[in-house]
Amino acid sequence: MSNLLPIEFVNWAMRLLLAQGVIIVFLLLNVVSFSLPHAGDFKPFFLLMAVYYWAIYRPTLIPVYYTFVLGLVMDLLSGMPPGLTSLIMVALQTLVQKSRLFLMGQPYITVWIGFSIMALANAFCLWFVLSIKNGFMPATPTLVAALLSTLLFPVASLILLGVHKLLPVSSTPMRTVR
């Protein structure tokens, strides 16, 4: 019979809560508009950055159903059609998870290029669906958001890497004492 070490369990739980907290902060940053002089308001895809990173390096941290819920919350907070972001995020997460083994063994620049492709795909899907819903819209705001997301991804990935290093190593939540 094994005894659970409460300190280790609390340590394990706090690390996972930190990771989930960072995901929530990224979601909230995604809802906030950022202004650029002479260019208007843009919303970089911060949540996509977190989903992309965790889909490669820790897919069990953010399962598909959780991504769907996060996208739904983001839609409700940002006024988007409910489910739009959820469906796009789940589709992109599934694509990344299928390429996970390839991406894990690549240099960072390849991972960054992969993210830029995902950001463009996200921008195109958002623009396409919103153009169908609201009538033709210029693609500039979503393309600028994709570009800003690509430029900000290295900073976000450094934050996510720091959190990743704090996460428990083993798949079991705590060690046992014999």
Protein backbone atom coordinates (compact mmCIF):
# COMPACT_ATOMS: atom_id res chain seq x y z
CA MET A 1 0.00 0.00 0.00
CA SER A 2 1.27 3.44 -0.81
CA ASN A 3 1.03 6.66 1.10
CA LEU A 4 0.38 9.90 -0.73
CA LEU A 5 2.65 12.78 0.06
CA PRO A 6 0.42 15.84 0.50
CA ILE A 7 3.25 18.30 -0.24
CA GLU A 8 3.95 16.62 -3.57
CA PHE A 9 0.26 16.55 -4.44
CA VAL A 10 -0.10 20.27 -3.66
CA ASN A 11 3.03 21.01 -5.69
CA TRP A 12 1.67 18.98 -8.61
CA ALA A 13 -1.73 20.68 -8.43
CA MET A 14 -0.23 24.18 -8.24
CA ARG A 15 1.89 23.55 -11.31
CA LEU A 16 -1.12 22.41 -13.31
CA LEU A 17 -3.16 25.37 -12.06
CA LEU A 18 -0.38 27.68 -13.23
CA ALA A 19 -0.54 26.17 -16.71
CA GLN A 20 -4.33 26.50 -16.81
CA GLY A 21 -4.08 30.06 -15.48
CA VAL A 22 -1.72 31.01 -18.29
CA ILE A 23 -4.17 29.58 -20.82
CA ILE A 24 -6.97 31.67 -19.28
CA VAL A 25 -4.78 34.80 -19.36
CA PHE A 26 -4.08 34.13 -23.05
CA LEU A 27 -7.84 33.79 -23.63
CA LEU A 28 -8.48 37.11 -21.90
CA LEU A 29 -5.68 38.79 -23.88
CA ASN A 30 -7.36 37.48 -27.01
CA VAL A 31 -10.53 39.40 -26.18
CA VAL A 32 -8.74 42.73 -25.62
CA SER A 33 -8.19 44.98 -28.64
CA PHE A 34 -4.76 46.42 -29.26
CA SER A 35 -4.41 49.70 -31.13
CA LEU A 36 -1.76 50.55 -33.66
CA PRO A 37 -1.36 54.16 -34.80
CA HIS A 38 -3.00 54.75 -38.19
CA ALA A 39 -4.03 51.11 -38.39
CA GLY A 40 -6.93 50.62 -35.98
CA ASP A 41 -7.67 47.87 -33.48
CA PHE A 42 -6.38 44.32 -33.83
CA LYS A 43 -6.69 41.20 -31.74
CA PRO A 44 -3.71 38.86 -32.01
CA PHE A 45 -4.55 35.18 -31.67
CA PHE A 46 -3.13 34.61 -28.18
CA LEU A 47 -5.35 31.61 -27.44
CA LEU A 48 -4.22 30.01 -30.70
CA MET A 49 -0.62 30.43 -29.54
CA ALA A 50 -1.34 28.48 -26.35
CA VAL A 51 -3.38 25.80 -28.13
CA TYR A 52 -0.68 25.37 -30.78
CA TYR A 53 2.16 25.17 -28.23
CA TRP A 54 0.41 22.71 -25.93
CA ALA A 55 -0.83 20.61 -28.87
CA ILE A 56 2.82 19.97 -29.73
CA TYR A 57 4.55 19.76 -26.36
CA ARG A 58 1.85 18.74 -23.84
CA PRO A 59 -1.31 17.60 -25.67
CA THR A 60 -2.84 16.12 -22.51
CA LEU A 61 -2.83 19.55 -20.85
CA ILE A 62 -5.42 20.95 -23.24
CA PRO A 63 -7.67 18.22 -24.65
CA VAL A 64 -9.98 18.89 -27.60
CA TYR A 65 -13.13 19.29 -25.48
CA TYR A 66 -11.35 21.89 -23.34
CA THR A 67 -10.27 23.77 -26.46
CA PHE A 68 -13.88 23.73 -27.62
CA VAL A 69 -15.05 25.21 -24.29
CA LEU A 70 -12.31 27.86 -24.37
CA GLY A 71 -13.34 28.83 -27.90
CA LEU A 72 -16.97 29.04 -26.86
CA VAL A 73 -16.10 31.28 -23.91
CA MET A 74 -14.01 33.45 -26.20
CA ASP A 75 -16.88 33.73 -28.67
CA LEU A 76 -19.26 34.79 -25.90
CA LEU A 77 -16.79 37.36 -24.52
CA SER A 78 -15.87 38.83 -27.90
CA GLY A 79 -19.30 38.85 -29.56
CA MET A 80 -18.42 36.34 -32.26
CA PRO A 81 -20.99 33.80 -33.43
CA PRO A 82 -21.05 31.09 -30.72
CA GLY A 83 -19.05 28.05 -31.77
CA LEU A 84 -17.09 29.70 -34.58
CA THR A 85 -13.80 30.01 -32.71
CA SER A 86 -14.40 26.63 -31.08
CA LEU A 87 -14.70 24.82 -34.40
CA ILE A 88 -11.71 26.58 -35.94
CA MET A 89 -9.52 25.99 -32.87
CA VAL A 90 -10.48 22.32 -32.60
CA ALA A 91 -9.77 21.77 -36.30
CA LEU A 92 -6.39 23.49 -36.08
CA GLN A 93 -5.50 21.68 -32.84
CA THR A 94 -6.33 18.35 -34.47
CA LEU A 95 -4.08 19.18 -37.44
CA VAL A 96 -1.22 20.15 -35.15
CA GLN A 97 -1.60 17.02 -33.02
CA LYS A 98 -1.40 14.88 -36.15
CA SER A 99 1.89 16.64 -37.01
CA ARG A 100 3.13 16.59 -33.42
CA LEU A 101 5.87 13.98 -33.79
CA PHE A 102 7.28 15.79 -36.82
CA LEU A 103 7.18 19.22 -35.15
CA MET A 104 8.75 18.05 -31.87
CA GLY A 105 11.95 17.04 -33.63
CA GLN A 106 12.30 20.23 -35.65
CA PRO A 107 14.25 23.42 -34.92
CA TYR A 108 12.27 26.30 -33.43
CA ILE A 109 12.07 28.16 -36.76
CA THR A 110 10.05 25.27 -38.21
CA VAL A 111 7.65 25.37 -35.26
CA TRP A 112 7.35 29.14 -35.73
CA ILE A 113 6.63 28.75 -39.45
CA GLY A 114 4.04 26.11 -38.57
CA PHE A 115 2.39 28.57 -36.20
CA SER A 116 2.37 31.29 -38.86
CA ILE A 117 0.57 28.89 -41.21
CA MET A 118 -1.96 28.12 -38.45
CA ALA A 119 -2.43 31.84 -37.77
CA LEU A 120 -3.09 32.48 -41.47
CA ALA A 121 -5.50 29.55 -41.61
CA ASN A 122 -7.29 30.89 -38.52
CA ALA A 123 -7.46 34.39 -40.06
CA PHE A 124 -8.80 33.05 -43.35
CA CYS A 125 -11.48 30.92 -41.64
CA LEU A 126 -12.61 33.83 -39.46
CA TRP A 127 -12.68 36.21 -42.41
CA PHE A 128 -14.53 33.72 -44.63
CA VAL A 129 -17.25 32.86 -42.14
CA LEU A 130 -17.75 36.45 -41.02
CA SER A 131 -17.89 37.59 -44.66
CA ILE A 132 -20.62 35.06 -45.33
CA LYS A 133 -22.51 36.11 -42.20
CA ASN A 134 -22.13 39.90 -42.46
CA GLY A 135 -21.48 40.44 -46.16
CA PHE A 136 -18.08 40.87 -47.74
CA MET A 137 -15.53 42.33 -45.34
CA PRO A 138 -11.95 43.42 -45.98
CA ALA A 139 -9.45 40.79 -44.93
CA THR A 140 -6.92 43.34 -43.68
CA PRO A 141 -7.81 43.22 -39.94
CA THR A 142 -7.56 39.43 -39.75
CA LEU A 143 -4.36 39.35 -41.82
CA VAL A 144 -2.76 41.98 -39.58
CA ALA A 145 -3.88 39.96 -36.55
CA ALA A 146 -2.22 36.89 -38.06
CA LEU A 147 0.97 38.87 -38.72
CA LEU A 148 1.01 40.29 -35.18
CA SER A 149 0.37 36.81 -33.81
CA THR A 150 3.31 35.46 -35.78
CA LEU A 151 5.55 38.24 -34.49
CA LEU A 152 4.40 37.76 -30.88
CA PHE A 153 4.62 33.96 -30.93
CA PRO A 154 8.29 33.81 -29.81
CA VAL A 155 7.45 35.85 -26.70
CA ALA A 156 4.39 33.72 -25.95
CA SER A 157 6.34 30.51 -26.52
CA LEU A 158 9.00 31.68 -24.04
CA ILE A 159 6.27 32.17 -21.42
CA LEU A 160 4.74 28.80 -22.26
CA LEU A 161 8.18 27.16 -22.18
CA GLY A 162 8.76 28.54 -18.70
CA VAL A 163 5.43 27.09 -17.55
CA HIS A 164 6.21 23.84 -19.35
CA LYS A 165 9.45 23.46 -17.39
CA LEU A 166 7.47 23.77 -14.15
CA LEU A 167 4.97 21.06 -15.04
CA PRO A 168 5.27 17.60 -13.50
CA VAL A 169 7.55 15.31 -15.48
CA SER A 170 5.81 11.98 -15.10
CA SER A 171 2.34 11.11 -16.29
CA THR A 172 1.39 10.03 -12.79
CA PRO A 173 0.32 12.93 -10.58
CA MET A 174 2.44 12.02 -7.58
CA ARG A 175 5.11 9.62 -6.43
CA THR A 176 4.41 6.92 -3.91
CA VAL A 177 6.41 6.03 -0.85
CA ARG A 178 7.11 2.39 -0.07
